[in-house]
Amino acid sequence: MEGALSMLPATFSALILAALATAASAQHYPDKPIRLVVGSAPGGGNDFAARAVNDKLSEFLGQQVVIDNRGGAGGLLGTELVAHAPADGYTLLQMFSNFAILPSLHAKLSFDVDKDFVPIANVASSPLILVVHPALPAKSVQELIAYGHKSKGALNFAAPGIGSLGHLAGELFKSMTKIEMTHVAYKGGGPAITALAGREVHMYFSTVPAALAQVKAGRLRALGITSPARSPAAPDVPTVAEQGLSGFEVVGWFGTFAPARTPGAIVATLNQAVNKAIATPDVKARFAAQGVEPGGSTPEAFAKLVRQDIKKWNAVAKRAGVATM
């Protein structure tokens, strides 16, 4: 083999040797611990999804998967770190739906979410739930829309930060219903829920687990689920779409990514391990307890979902005039 390569131009020989080395590395992958960069602080939904599958993922890969939380700037810091990491399968990214929103919020990024990453698998998904204060005279989405039109700009909605999924869900609702509403930003979901319960705001597109405890206690009223089908965690709450707002859909997801140019064999190995972990009874039970639905997908299907969300939320952000940073 070496004699044959010596007869080829040096540059071409180097490319062949690099390709052979990459193929050999992929065959023995993984042979050391894997770093999973979680683009959020400990305790949130993205961190929960990562930790729910972590033990099984380590078991199926035969190597420890070490979680490295890199929260901040809506996932920007962790995403940027992995974008510039070696494409060898040993530094991965666990991100949430904000991955698809980042391009709409930042005029200048040091990476391209579409070109600098290869999606591995959709780990889990979770809709939002539209909740209002019980004092608001609306017991359905239709009644809320009617109230919004009558109030002529008096209605406002909470969101856990500018450009968050909850913020853009509110802007999408505003656009589709033609209601004049004011966005009120809070520093996280907890403060937003507290503000709604304290009647500082009228409505909020919350994560399901955070809202249900308040709904059961009677401090909030649930009007609608934002997914196409009802949530198993709140089966009695109708979807927003089935209440007349056809096409309204907001589903958050948590997914695993690798840097672009990661060998296909490594991507396939990771995809198989993630899907296998998601399918275990233990992981399914942990997801169900938090109102999260297990994912599982091919890299191609997940890539399609991500691209659809990039296009969707970019359009919503532009219509809403969300300022870029």
Protein backbone atom coordinates (compact mmCIF):
# COMPACT_ATOMS: atom_id res chain seq x y z
CA MET A 1 0.00 0.00 0.00
CA GLU A 2 2.81 2.40 0.92
CA GLY A 3 4.59 1.68 -2.37
CA ALA A 4 1.45 2.46 -4.34
CA LEU A 5 0.89 5.69 -2.46
CA SER A 6 4.47 6.80 -3.09
CA MET A 7 3.72 6.90 -6.81
CA LEU A 8 0.88 9.43 -6.30
CA PRO A 9 1.21 13.21 -5.82
CA ALA A 10 1.99 14.09 -2.20
CA THR A 11 -1.23 16.05 -1.60
CA PHE A 12 -3.41 13.26 -2.98
CA SER A 13 -1.52 10.66 -0.94
CA ALA A 14 -2.05 12.71 2.21
CA LEU A 15 -5.79 12.89 1.54
CA ILE A 16 -6.01 9.14 1.09
CA LEU A 17 -4.05 8.47 4.27
CA ALA A 18 -6.26 10.90 6.20
CA ALA A 19 -9.37 9.18 4.88
CA LEU A 20 -8.00 5.76 5.85
CA ALA A 21 -7.12 7.02 9.33
CA THR A 22 -10.62 8.46 9.76
CA ALA A 23 -12.21 5.20 8.66
CA ALA A 24 -10.05 3.21 11.08
CA SER A 25 -10.94 5.60 13.92
CA ALA A 26 -14.65 5.27 13.15
CA GLN A 27 -14.40 1.48 13.27
CA HIS A 28 -13.06 1.58 16.84
CA TYR A 29 -15.37 4.37 18.02
CA PRO A 30 -15.73 5.11 20.85
CA ASP A 31 -12.51 4.17 22.63
CA LYS A 32 -12.52 6.95 25.24
CA PRO A 33 -15.10 9.03 27.20
CA ILE A 34 -17.43 11.32 25.27
CA ARG A 35 -18.12 14.91 26.30
CA LEU A 36 -21.77 15.96 25.96
CA VAL A 37 -22.01 19.75 26.10
CA VAL A 38 -25.48 20.71 27.36
CA GLY A 39 -26.37 24.19 26.15
CA SER A 40 -28.22 25.16 29.32
CA ALA A 41 -27.75 25.35 33.06
CA PRO A 42 -28.44 22.36 35.34
CA GLY A 43 -32.06 21.80 36.27
CA GLY A 44 -33.84 22.92 33.12
CA GLY A 45 -35.72 20.84 30.57
CA ASN A 46 -32.75 20.41 28.25
CA ASP A 47 -30.52 19.30 31.11
CA PHE A 48 -33.24 16.89 32.30
CA ALA A 49 -33.54 15.31 28.83
CA ALA A 50 -29.77 14.86 28.60
CA ARG A 51 -29.47 13.27 32.04
CA ALA A 52 -32.51 11.04 31.48
CA VAL A 53 -30.73 9.19 28.66
CA ASN A 54 -27.14 9.62 29.84
CA ASP A 55 -26.71 6.40 31.83
CA LYS A 56 -28.24 4.25 29.10
CA LEU A 57 -26.24 6.05 26.44
CA SER A 58 -23.01 5.33 28.32
CA GLU A 59 -24.03 1.69 28.68
CA PHE A 60 -24.85 1.19 25.01
CA LEU A 61 -21.74 2.99 23.75
CA GLY A 62 -19.42 1.21 26.18
CA GLN A 63 -17.85 4.50 27.24
CA GLN A 64 -18.76 7.11 29.80
CA VAL A 65 -20.70 10.10 28.48
CA VAL A 66 -19.71 13.10 30.60
CA ILE A 67 -22.19 15.98 30.80
CA ASP A 68 -20.71 19.48 30.62
CA ASN A 69 -23.30 22.20 31.26
CA ARG A 70 -22.59 25.37 29.33
CA GLY A 71 -25.61 27.60 29.90
CA GLY A 72 -25.89 31.22 28.93
CA ALA A 73 -27.22 33.42 26.12
CA GLY A 74 -30.07 31.06 25.30
CA GLY A 75 -27.75 28.19 24.46
CA LEU A 76 -25.36 30.27 22.37
CA LEU A 77 -22.26 29.58 24.48
CA GLY A 78 -22.53 25.80 24.40
CA THR A 79 -23.49 25.75 20.74
CA GLU A 80 -20.53 27.90 19.78
CA LEU A 81 -18.14 25.69 21.73
CA VAL A 82 -19.20 22.52 19.90
CA ALA A 83 -19.30 24.23 16.49
CA HIS A 84 -15.55 24.68 16.69
CA ALA A 85 -14.74 21.31 18.31
CA PRO A 86 -12.96 18.46 16.47
CA ALA A 87 -15.35 16.43 14.30
CA ASP A 88 -14.35 13.12 15.86
CA GLY A 89 -17.48 12.18 17.82
CA TYR A 90 -15.97 12.92 21.22
CA THR A 91 -17.55 16.37 21.71
CA LEU A 92 -21.30 16.47 21.20
CA LEU A 93 -24.04 19.02 21.81
CA GLN A 94 -27.37 18.60 23.56
CA MET A 95 -29.56 21.55 22.63
CA PHE A 96 -33.19 22.58 22.72
CA SER A 97 -35.42 24.43 20.27
CA ASN A 98 -33.47 27.65 20.75
CA PHE A 99 -30.88 26.08 18.44
CA ALA A 100 -33.26 26.92 15.56
CA ILE A 101 -34.00 30.40 16.95
CA LEU A 102 -30.40 31.59 17.44
CA PRO A 103 -29.98 32.81 13.82
CA SER A 104 -33.05 35.03 14.25
CA LEU A 105 -31.66 36.68 17.39
CA HIS A 106 -28.02 37.23 16.47
CA ALA A 107 -26.96 39.20 13.41
CA LYS A 108 -23.42 37.85 13.64
CA LEU A 109 -22.65 34.29 14.73
CA SER A 110 -19.28 32.60 14.55
CA PHE A 111 -21.02 29.49 13.22
CA ASP A 112 -23.88 28.42 10.96
CA VAL A 113 -26.44 26.18 12.69
CA ASP A 114 -27.26 24.52 9.39
CA LYS A 115 -23.77 24.04 7.95
CA ASP A 116 -21.58 23.58 11.04
CA PHE A 117 -23.56 20.78 12.70
CA VAL A 118 -24.85 17.35 11.84
CA PRO A 119 -28.04 16.38 13.72
CA ILE A 120 -27.85 12.97 15.41
CA ALA A 121 -31.30 12.38 16.87
CA ASN A 122 -34.34 14.05 18.34
CA VAL A 123 -34.20 12.99 22.00
CA ALA A 124 -37.56 14.25 23.22
CA SER A 125 -40.26 16.81 22.60
CA SER A 126 -42.67 18.80 24.69
CA PRO A 127 -45.45 21.21 23.75
CA LEU A 128 -46.24 24.39 25.59
CA ILE A 129 -49.49 25.03 27.42
CA LEU A 130 -51.43 28.28 27.23
CA VAL A 131 -52.39 29.36 30.73
CA VAL A 132 -54.21 32.42 32.05
CA HIS A 133 -55.09 33.81 35.46
CA PRO A 134 -58.49 32.50 36.65
CA ALA A 135 -59.72 36.08 36.99
CA LEU A 136 -59.53 36.51 33.22
CA PRO A 137 -63.02 36.01 31.73
CA ALA A 138 -61.91 33.35 29.24
CA LYS A 139 -62.36 29.60 29.64
CA SER A 140 -61.36 28.61 26.12
CA VAL A 141 -59.08 29.80 23.35
CA GLN A 142 -62.08 31.18 21.45
CA GLU A 143 -63.16 33.20 24.48
CA LEU A 144 -59.61 34.48 24.95
CA ILE A 145 -59.47 35.62 21.32
CA ALA A 146 -62.83 37.37 21.67
CA TYR A 147 -61.70 39.03 24.89
CA GLY A 148 -58.46 40.11 23.25
CA HIS A 149 -60.26 41.84 20.40
CA LYS A 150 -62.62 43.61 22.79
CA SER A 151 -59.84 44.76 25.11
CA LYS A 152 -58.14 46.67 22.25
CA GLY A 153 -54.52 46.35 23.29
CA ALA A 154 -54.99 45.87 27.01
CA LEU A 155 -53.95 42.20 26.88
CA ASN A 156 -50.36 41.22 27.65
CA PHE A 157 -48.40 37.98 27.80
CA ALA A 158 -45.39 36.80 29.78
CA ALA A 159 -42.33 35.12 28.31
CA PRO A 160 -39.10 33.76 29.81
CA GLY A 161 -36.82 36.11 27.89
CA ILE A 162 -36.76 37.83 24.51
CA GLY A 163 -36.55 35.34 21.66
CA SER A 164 -37.44 32.35 23.81
CA LEU A 165 -39.83 29.72 22.48
CA GLY A 166 -42.50 31.05 24.85
CA HIS A 167 -41.99 34.57 23.48
CA LEU A 168 -42.23 33.49 19.83
CA ALA A 169 -45.27 31.32 20.65
CA GLY A 170 -46.96 34.45 21.95
CA GLU A 171 -45.94 36.41 18.87
CA LEU A 172 -47.27 33.64 16.62
CA PHE A 173 -50.57 33.65 18.52
CA LYS A 174 -50.72 37.43 18.22
CA SER A 175 -50.08 37.29 14.47
CA MET A 176 -52.59 34.52 13.76
CA THR A 177 -55.39 36.02 15.87
CA LYS A 178 -54.75 39.68 14.96
CA ILE A 179 -54.93 40.57 18.66
CA GLU A 180 -53.02 43.58 19.96
CA MET A 181 -50.91 42.23 22.83
CA THR A 182 -47.88 43.44 24.74
CA HIS A 183 -44.95 41.14 25.43
CA VAL A 184 -43.55 41.27 28.97
CA ALA A 185 -40.15 39.60 29.36
CA TYR A 186 -39.05 37.87 32.57
CA LYS A 187 -35.77 36.27 33.57
CA GLY A 188 -36.89 32.68 33.21
CA GLY A 189 -39.98 30.49 33.39
CA GLY A 190 -40.22 30.60 37.18
CA PRO A 191 -40.58 34.38 37.40
CA ALA A 192 -43.04 34.34 34.47
CA ILE A 193 -45.29 31.79 36.23
CA THR A 194 -45.11 33.77 39.45
CA ALA A 195 -46.03 36.97 37.63
CA LEU A 196 -49.05 35.33 36.01
CA ALA A 197 -50.25 33.85 39.30
CA GLY A 198 -49.86 37.31 40.84
CA ARG A 199 -51.97 38.92 38.05
CA GLU A 200 -49.08 41.01 36.71
CA VAL A 201 -49.85 39.61 33.24
CA HIS A 202 -52.81 37.95 31.55
CA MET A 203 -51.42 34.87 29.79
CA TYR A 204 -48.33 32.77 29.26
CA PHE A 205 -47.21 29.92 26.99
CA SER A 206 -45.53 27.80 29.64
CA THR A 207 -43.78 24.47 29.68
CA VAL A 208 -46.27 21.78 30.70
CA PRO A 209 -44.61 20.55 33.94
CA ALA A 210 -44.13 24.09 35.28
CA ALA A 211 -47.75 25.04 34.70
CA LEU A 212 -49.63 21.90 35.74
CA ALA A 213 -48.87 22.23 39.45
CA GLN A 214 -50.28 25.77 39.38
CA VAL A 215 -53.31 24.64 37.37
CA LYS A 216 -54.08 21.81 39.81
CA ALA A 217 -53.80 24.25 42.72
CA GLY A 218 -56.32 26.55 41.03
CA ARG A 219 -53.89 29.43 40.69
CA LEU A 220 -53.90 29.24 36.88
CA ARG A 221 -56.36 28.09 34.21
CA ALA A 222 -55.20 25.95 31.27
CA LEU A 223 -56.76 26.86 27.92
CA GLY A 224 -54.86 24.92 25.31
CA ILE A 225 -51.95 22.68 24.35
CA THR A 226 -49.74 23.86 21.49
CA SER A 227 -49.01 20.47 19.89
CA PRO A 228 -51.07 18.92 17.05
CA ALA A 229 -52.43 16.28 19.45
CA ARG A 230 -53.33 16.47 23.13
CA SER A 231 -50.59 15.89 25.65
CA PRO A 232 -50.64 12.65 27.68
CA ALA A 233 -49.63 14.79 30.66
CA ALA A 234 -52.82 16.88 30.33
CA PRO A 235 -55.31 14.83 28.29
CA ASP A 236 -58.29 16.96 29.33
CA VAL A 237 -56.78 20.14 27.90
CA PRO A 238 -57.72 20.58 24.22
CA THR A 239 -55.16 21.74 21.68
CA VAL A 240 -55.16 25.34 20.51
CA ALA A 241 -55.68 24.14 16.94
CA GLU A 242 -58.78 22.09 17.74
CA GLN A 243 -60.35 25.18 19.29
CA GLY A 244 -60.45 26.98 15.98
CA LEU A 245 -56.91 28.28 15.49
CA SER A 246 -55.99 25.81 12.76
CA GLY A 247 -52.28 25.56 12.02
CA PHE A 248 -51.13 26.89 15.38
CA GLU A 249 -48.34 24.55 16.48
CA VAL A 250 -45.44 25.09 18.87
CA VAL A 251 -43.50 22.02 19.97
CA GLY A 252 -40.22 22.31 21.79
CA TRP A 253 -37.60 19.62 21.26
CA PHE A 254 -34.34 18.46 22.77
CA GLY A 255 -31.77 16.95 20.44
CA THR A 256 -28.20 15.77 20.02
CA PHE A 257 -25.78 17.25 17.48
CA ALA A 258 -22.19 16.71 16.41
CA PRO A 259 -19.82 19.07 14.59
CA ALA A 260 -20.11 19.00 10.81
CA ARG A 261 -17.81 16.57 8.98
CA THR A 262 -18.14 13.99 11.75
CA PRO A 263 -17.75 10.63 9.94
CA GLY A 264 -21.01 9.04 8.88
CA ALA A 265 -20.17 5.78 10.66
CA ILE A 266 -19.82 7.64 13.96
CA VAL A 267 -23.08 9.53 13.42
CA ALA A 268 -24.81 6.20 12.73
CA THR A 269 -23.35 4.66 15.90
CA LEU A 270 -24.51 7.61 18.02
CA ASN A 271 -27.95 7.67 16.42
CA GLN A 272 -28.46 3.99 17.14
CA ALA A 273 -27.35 4.40 20.77
CA VAL A 274 -29.56 7.45 21.40
CA ASN A 275 -32.62 5.79 19.86
CA LYS A 276 -31.98 2.61 21.85
CA ALA A 277 -31.66 4.61 25.09
CA ILE A 278 -34.89 6.52 24.42
CA ALA A 279 -36.78 3.27 23.84
CA THR A 280 -35.92 1.77 27.26
CA PRO A 281 -38.75 1.59 29.84
CA ASP A 282 -36.71 3.52 32.41
CA VAL A 283 -36.17 6.51 30.14
CA LYS A 284 -39.77 6.46 28.91
CA ALA A 285 -40.99 6.51 32.51
CA ARG A 286 -38.76 9.45 33.41
CA PHE A 287 -40.01 11.41 30.41
CA ALA A 288 -43.66 10.61 31.12
CA ALA A 289 -43.32 11.80 34.73
CA GLN A 290 -42.29 15.22 33.42
CA GLY A 291 -44.83 15.48 30.61
CA VAL A 292 -42.11 14.96 28.01
CA GLU A 293 -42.65 12.73 25.00
CA PRO A 294 -39.78 10.45 23.89
CA GLY A 295 -38.23 11.24 20.54
CA GLY A 296 -36.23 8.90 18.35
CA SER A 297 -35.46 9.65 14.73
CA THR A 298 -33.01 9.23 11.89
CA PRO A 299 -30.41 11.99 11.48
CA GLU A 300 -32.13 12.98 8.22
CA ALA A 301 -35.57 13.31 9.83
CA PHE A 302 -34.19 15.39 12.69
CA ALA A 303 -32.27 17.61 10.24
CA LYS A 304 -35.52 18.24 8.35
CA LEU A 305 -37.29 19.25 11.58
CA VAL A 306 -34.48 21.64 12.54
CA ARG A 307 -34.49 23.33 9.12
CA GLN A 308 -38.27 23.72 9.24
CA ASP A 309 -38.03 25.38 12.65
CA ILE A 310 -35.23 27.71 11.54
CA LYS A 311 -37.43 28.94 8.69
CA LYS A 312 -40.57 29.13 10.83
CA TRP A 313 -39.14 31.06 13.76
CA ASN A 314 -37.14 33.39 11.54
CA ALA A 315 -40.40 34.43 9.85
CA VAL A 316 -42.16 34.90 13.21
CA ALA A 317 -39.27 36.94 14.62
CA LYS A 318 -39.19 39.19 11.56
CA ARG A 319 -42.94 39.82 11.65
CA ALA A 320 -42.74 40.60 15.37
CA GLY A 321 -39.77 42.91 14.91
CA VAL A 322 -37.65 41.00 17.42
CA ALA A 323 -34.37 42.90 17.60
CA THR A 324 -31.17 41.05 16.73
CA MET A 325 -28.14 41.28 18.96
